[in-house]
Amino acid sequence: MERLPTLFLSHGSPMHAVEAGGAGPAWEALAASLPRPRAILIASAHWETQLPMLTGNERLETIHDFGGFPAELYRLRYDAAGSPALAARAAALLKAADITVAVNGCRGIDHGAWVPLRWMYPAVDVPVVQLSVQTALGAAHHLRVGEALAALRDEGVLVIGSGHMTHNLRDWAQHRGDPHPAEYAVQFSAWVQERLARGDREALLAWRDQAPSAARAHPTEEHFLPLFFALGAAGQAAAARATRFYSAIDAGVLSMDAYRFD
């Protein structure tokens, strides 16, 4: 079975589900270029837990985990089939790496996952397992979680981390409609791109101290941590083979950068 890349996606506002912008076609084109996965394992910034948890149910109901958006958005459904078998396989891999994990048989799929998947696999015909993030445990933990699951790449599973390259919602509220990208968002994105291109994992793990405007780019860390999950799942040498396949700044401050790791 052909090895799949791992992906990091900046999933954007829930409105990207109905207003694709540039990201939707980029996600769609990427999915079309890949071998069809037998299943998807996606870590979303919008499911935070104290320890890693996996969805283990047969079907994932659509979670509309947002408020104040147009009614059409709440009518959208992405009720993907789950994969208890993949959840069990992922849990076994994590346990083998001495990472405590649990399976949740009730949770659905949140917009951090279904917004990009709606464009990538619109027929809703690829089973999905969602993985939570542990914001308090930081970047090294998520890199380790990803590394523990790297074998899935060779088993027909598309591994995705869904978050955001920059994510400051206070700035977003203040700059909505401003067409000019904020300098800090551009600089932070460029810093990450340069370190990924060099394969400098040590610098990336120290991003809080080394990246320009790190605290402003990410007042909280949950939207950046999926990058480390995707990077870890790609394998030890993958940092040198990072390809940015989409880049944009939404509303002046939200970097929409997306990467594949081969």
Protein backbone atom coordinates (compact mmCIF):
# COMPACT_ATOMS: atom_id res chain seq x y z
CA MET A 1 0.00 0.00 0.00
CA GLU A 2 1.38 3.41 -0.98
CA ARG A 3 2.57 5.56 1.88
CA LEU A 4 0.45 8.65 2.46
CA PRO A 5 1.77 12.04 3.56
CA THR A 6 0.60 13.64 6.77
CA LEU A 7 -1.06 17.04 6.69
CA PHE A 8 -1.35 20.18 8.76
CA LEU A 9 -4.36 22.31 7.84
CA SER A 10 -5.39 25.73 9.07
CA HIS A 11 -9.12 25.10 9.07
CA GLY A 12 -10.27 28.72 9.17
CA SER A 13 -13.62 30.10 10.26
CA PRO A 14 -16.63 27.76 10.17
CA MET A 15 -17.79 29.91 7.24
CA HIS A 16 -15.16 28.21 5.10
CA ALA A 17 -17.64 25.35 4.92
CA VAL A 18 -19.89 27.49 2.70
CA GLU A 19 -17.48 30.17 1.46
CA ALA A 20 -14.46 28.20 0.31
CA GLY A 21 -12.17 31.14 -0.41
CA GLY A 22 -8.77 29.99 -1.58
CA ALA A 23 -8.41 27.26 1.03
CA GLY A 24 -11.32 25.10 -0.12
CA PRO A 25 -9.98 24.53 -3.66
CA ALA A 26 -6.49 23.92 -2.25
CA TRP A 27 -7.80 21.23 0.13
CA GLU A 28 -9.87 19.74 -2.68
CA ALA A 29 -6.96 19.64 -5.11
CA LEU A 30 -4.65 18.07 -2.55
CA ALA A 31 -7.12 15.29 -1.75
CA ALA A 32 -7.58 14.61 -5.47
CA SER A 33 -3.82 14.23 -5.88
CA LEU A 34 -3.46 11.62 -3.13
CA PRO A 35 -4.18 7.91 -3.18
CA ARG A 36 -7.63 7.34 -1.73
CA PRO A 37 -7.24 6.65 2.00
CA ARG A 38 -9.06 3.77 3.64
CA ALA A 39 -9.65 6.03 6.66
CA ILE A 40 -8.72 9.40 8.16
CA LEU A 41 -7.30 10.12 11.60
CA ILE A 42 -7.63 13.82 12.34
CA ALA A 43 -6.56 15.75 15.43
CA SER A 44 -8.64 18.90 15.89
CA ALA A 45 -7.86 21.93 18.02
CA HIS A 46 -11.54 21.99 18.99
CA TRP A 47 -11.42 18.86 21.13
CA GLU A 48 -9.30 19.43 24.22
CA THR A 49 -8.84 16.74 26.86
CA GLN A 50 -6.39 15.92 29.63
CA LEU A 51 -5.19 12.76 27.91
CA PRO A 52 -5.43 11.61 24.29
CA MET A 53 -8.89 10.42 23.33
CA LEU A 54 -10.13 8.83 20.12
CA THR A 55 -13.63 8.62 18.74
CA GLY A 56 -14.64 4.98 18.68
CA ASN A 57 -18.24 5.06 17.47
CA GLU A 58 -19.58 3.65 14.21
CA ARG A 59 -20.84 7.06 13.03
CA LEU A 60 -19.75 10.58 13.95
CA GLU A 61 -22.59 13.08 14.14
CA THR A 62 -21.88 16.64 13.06
CA ILE A 63 -21.10 19.02 15.92
CA HIS A 64 -21.90 22.69 15.29
CA ASP A 65 -19.52 23.95 17.95
CA PHE A 66 -19.90 27.69 17.27
CA GLY A 67 -22.43 30.46 17.59
CA GLY A 68 -23.58 33.61 15.81
CA PHE A 69 -23.24 32.35 12.24
CA PRO A 70 -25.84 32.26 9.41
CA ALA A 71 -28.57 29.63 9.66
CA GLU A 72 -27.33 27.81 6.54
CA LEU A 73 -24.18 26.80 8.39
CA TYR A 74 -26.15 24.97 11.06
CA ARG A 75 -28.02 23.00 8.42
CA LEU A 76 -24.83 21.51 7.03
CA ARG A 77 -24.10 17.91 7.97
CA TYR A 78 -20.97 15.83 7.71
CA ASP A 79 -22.03 12.67 9.49
CA ALA A 80 -19.01 10.56 8.64
CA ALA A 81 -18.71 6.86 9.26
CA GLY A 82 -16.43 6.11 12.16
CA SER A 83 -13.90 3.31 12.40
CA PRO A 84 -13.80 1.44 15.71
CA ALA A 85 -11.07 -0.75 14.21
CA LEU A 86 -8.83 2.24 13.45
CA ALA A 87 -9.52 3.69 16.90
CA ALA A 88 -8.43 0.39 18.45
CA ARG A 89 -5.31 0.25 16.27
CA ALA A 90 -4.35 3.84 17.12
CA ALA A 91 -4.96 3.20 20.82
CA ALA A 92 -2.73 0.12 20.69
CA LEU A 93 0.08 2.10 19.02
CA LEU A 94 -0.15 4.83 21.65
CA LYS A 95 -0.16 2.34 24.50
CA ALA A 96 2.89 0.62 22.99
CA ALA A 97 4.64 4.00 23.22
CA ASP A 98 3.62 4.31 26.90
CA ILE A 99 1.07 7.02 26.15
CA THR A 100 -2.15 6.74 28.12
CA VAL A 101 -5.16 6.88 25.81
CA ALA A 102 -8.92 6.40 25.98
CA VAL A 103 -11.66 5.79 23.41
CA ASN A 104 -14.88 7.85 23.45
CA GLY A 105 -17.82 6.03 21.90
CA CYS A 106 -20.22 8.99 21.90
CA ARG A 107 -18.48 12.08 20.55
CA GLY A 108 -19.14 13.44 17.06
CA ILE A 109 -16.99 15.40 14.61
CA ASP A 110 -16.35 19.12 15.22
CA HIS A 111 -15.84 21.88 12.69
CA GLY A 112 -12.07 21.74 12.99
CA ALA A 113 -12.37 18.40 11.24
CA TRP A 114 -15.48 18.58 9.08
CA VAL A 115 -14.88 22.00 7.53
CA PRO A 116 -11.78 20.92 5.57
CA LEU A 117 -13.05 17.36 5.08
CA ARG A 118 -16.20 18.72 3.46
CA TRP A 119 -14.02 19.99 0.60
CA MET A 120 -11.55 17.14 0.56
CA TYR A 121 -14.05 14.26 0.62
CA PRO A 122 -17.47 15.81 -0.08
CA ALA A 123 -19.17 12.44 -0.60
CA VAL A 124 -18.58 11.69 3.11
CA ASP A 125 -17.42 8.23 2.07
CA VAL A 126 -14.15 7.89 3.98
CA PRO A 127 -14.34 6.70 7.62
CA VAL A 128 -13.04 9.18 10.18
CA VAL A 129 -11.54 8.89 13.66
CA GLN A 130 -10.95 12.12 15.55
CA LEU A 131 -8.19 12.62 18.11
CA SER A 132 -8.15 15.19 20.89
CA VAL A 133 -5.36 17.61 21.82
CA GLN A 134 -3.87 18.15 25.27
CA THR A 135 -3.13 21.85 25.41
CA ALA A 136 -1.48 21.72 28.82
CA LEU A 137 1.10 19.14 27.67
CA GLY A 138 2.72 21.23 24.94
CA ALA A 139 4.50 20.68 21.66
CA ALA A 140 6.86 17.82 22.61
CA HIS A 141 3.93 15.70 23.78
CA HIS A 142 2.08 16.15 20.50
CA LEU A 143 5.21 15.36 18.49
CA ARG A 144 5.51 12.14 20.51
CA VAL A 145 1.85 11.26 19.97
CA GLY A 146 2.32 11.74 16.25
CA GLU A 147 5.50 9.65 16.20
CA ALA A 148 3.66 6.81 17.95
CA LEU A 149 1.08 6.79 15.15
CA ALA A 150 3.50 7.07 12.22
CA ALA A 151 2.92 3.45 11.17
CA LEU A 152 -0.60 4.39 10.08
CA ARG A 153 0.86 6.16 7.02
CA ASP A 154 1.72 2.75 5.59
CA GLU A 155 -1.71 1.32 6.40
CA GLY A 156 -3.79 3.56 4.15
CA VAL A 157 -4.65 6.09 6.84
CA LEU A 158 -4.47 9.81 6.08
CA VAL A 159 -3.23 11.52 9.26
CA ILE A 160 -4.18 15.18 9.63
CA GLY A 161 -3.56 17.85 12.24
CA SER A 162 -6.19 20.60 12.01
CA GLY A 163 -5.50 23.90 13.75
CA HIS A 164 -4.19 27.28 12.59
CA MET A 165 -0.82 28.76 11.76
CA THR A 166 -1.82 31.89 13.70
CA HIS A 167 -4.91 32.17 15.87
CA ASN A 168 -5.69 35.36 17.78
CA LEU A 169 -9.45 35.82 17.85
CA ARG A 170 -9.29 39.17 19.64
CA ASP A 171 -7.16 40.55 16.83
CA TRP A 172 -9.49 38.90 14.32
CA ALA A 173 -12.51 40.69 15.81
CA GLN A 174 -10.69 44.01 15.68
CA HIS A 175 -9.30 43.62 12.15
CA ARG A 176 -12.20 42.03 10.30
CA GLY A 177 -12.45 43.59 6.87
CA ASP A 178 -8.87 44.86 6.94
CA PRO A 179 -7.21 43.64 3.71
CA HIS A 180 -3.68 44.31 4.98
CA PRO A 181 -1.93 41.33 6.62
CA ALA A 182 -0.63 42.07 10.10
CA GLU A 183 3.16 42.03 10.18
CA TYR A 184 3.31 39.64 13.13
CA ALA A 185 1.19 37.03 11.34
CA VAL A 186 3.43 37.19 8.27
CA GLN A 187 6.61 37.00 10.36
CA PHE A 188 5.41 34.09 12.49
CA SER A 189 4.35 32.09 9.44
CA ALA A 190 7.68 32.78 7.72
CA TRP A 191 9.61 31.69 10.82
CA VAL A 192 7.74 28.38 10.94
CA GLN A 193 8.24 27.81 7.21
CA GLU A 194 11.99 28.38 7.49
CA ARG A 195 12.37 25.97 10.42
CA LEU A 196 10.29 23.30 8.71
CA ALA A 197 12.36 23.66 5.54
CA ARG A 198 15.55 23.17 7.57
CA GLY A 199 14.12 20.30 9.57
CA ASP A 200 14.89 22.22 12.77
CA ARG A 201 12.65 20.44 15.22
CA GLU A 202 14.52 21.79 18.24
CA ALA A 203 13.71 25.36 17.27
CA LEU A 204 10.11 24.46 16.50
CA LEU A 205 9.70 22.79 19.88
CA ALA A 206 11.03 26.00 21.46
CA TRP A 207 8.64 28.16 19.43
CA ARG A 208 7.25 29.97 22.48
CA ASP A 209 10.71 31.41 23.18
CA GLN A 210 12.13 31.68 19.68
CA ALA A 211 9.36 32.51 17.21
CA PRO A 212 8.62 36.21 16.59
CA SER A 213 5.43 37.45 18.27
CA ALA A 214 4.63 33.93 19.48
CA ALA A 215 2.35 35.12 22.28
CA ARG A 216 0.36 37.30 19.91
CA ALA A 217 0.22 34.68 17.17
CA HIS A 218 -1.09 32.13 19.69
CA PRO A 219 -2.41 33.54 22.99
CA THR A 220 -3.40 29.93 23.66
CA GLU A 221 -1.69 26.91 22.13
CA GLU A 222 -4.44 24.51 21.08
CA HIS A 223 -4.51 25.66 17.44
CA PHE A 224 -0.75 25.32 16.94
CA LEU A 225 -0.25 21.92 18.55
CA PRO A 226 -1.80 19.91 15.67
CA LEU A 227 1.22 20.96 13.58
CA PHE A 228 3.47 18.92 15.87
CA PHE A 229 1.12 15.95 15.70
CA ALA A 230 1.27 15.95 11.89
CA LEU A 231 5.03 16.47 11.92
CA GLY A 232 5.59 13.60 14.34
CA ALA A 233 3.31 11.24 12.42
CA ALA A 234 5.34 11.84 9.26
CA GLY A 235 8.42 10.20 10.78
CA GLN A 236 11.80 11.29 12.01
CA ALA A 237 13.18 12.61 8.70
CA ALA A 238 10.02 14.31 7.49
CA ALA A 239 10.81 17.81 8.73
CA ALA A 240 13.20 18.20 5.79
CA ARG A 241 10.41 17.33 3.37
CA ALA A 242 7.76 19.83 4.36
CA THR A 243 5.78 21.37 1.51
CA ARG A 244 3.56 24.38 2.06
CA PHE A 245 0.74 23.88 -0.43
CA TYR A 246 -1.43 26.82 0.59
CA SER A 247 -0.70 30.18 2.19
CA ALA A 248 -2.95 33.17 2.91
CA ILE A 249 -3.84 35.58 5.70
CA ASP A 250 -7.54 35.65 6.53
CA ALA A 251 -9.00 38.87 7.99
CA GLY A 252 -5.50 40.31 8.28
CA VAL A 253 -4.36 38.15 11.21
CA LEU A 254 -5.31 34.48 10.75
CA SER A 255 -2.64 32.66 8.76
CA MET A 256 -4.20 29.84 6.73
CA ASP A 257 -0.93 28.05 5.92
CA ALA A 258 -1.26 24.34 5.09
CA TYR A 259 1.53 21.77 4.84
CA ARG A 260 2.10 18.24 3.70
CA PHE A 261 4.91 16.12 5.14
CA ASP A 262 6.28 13.35 2.90
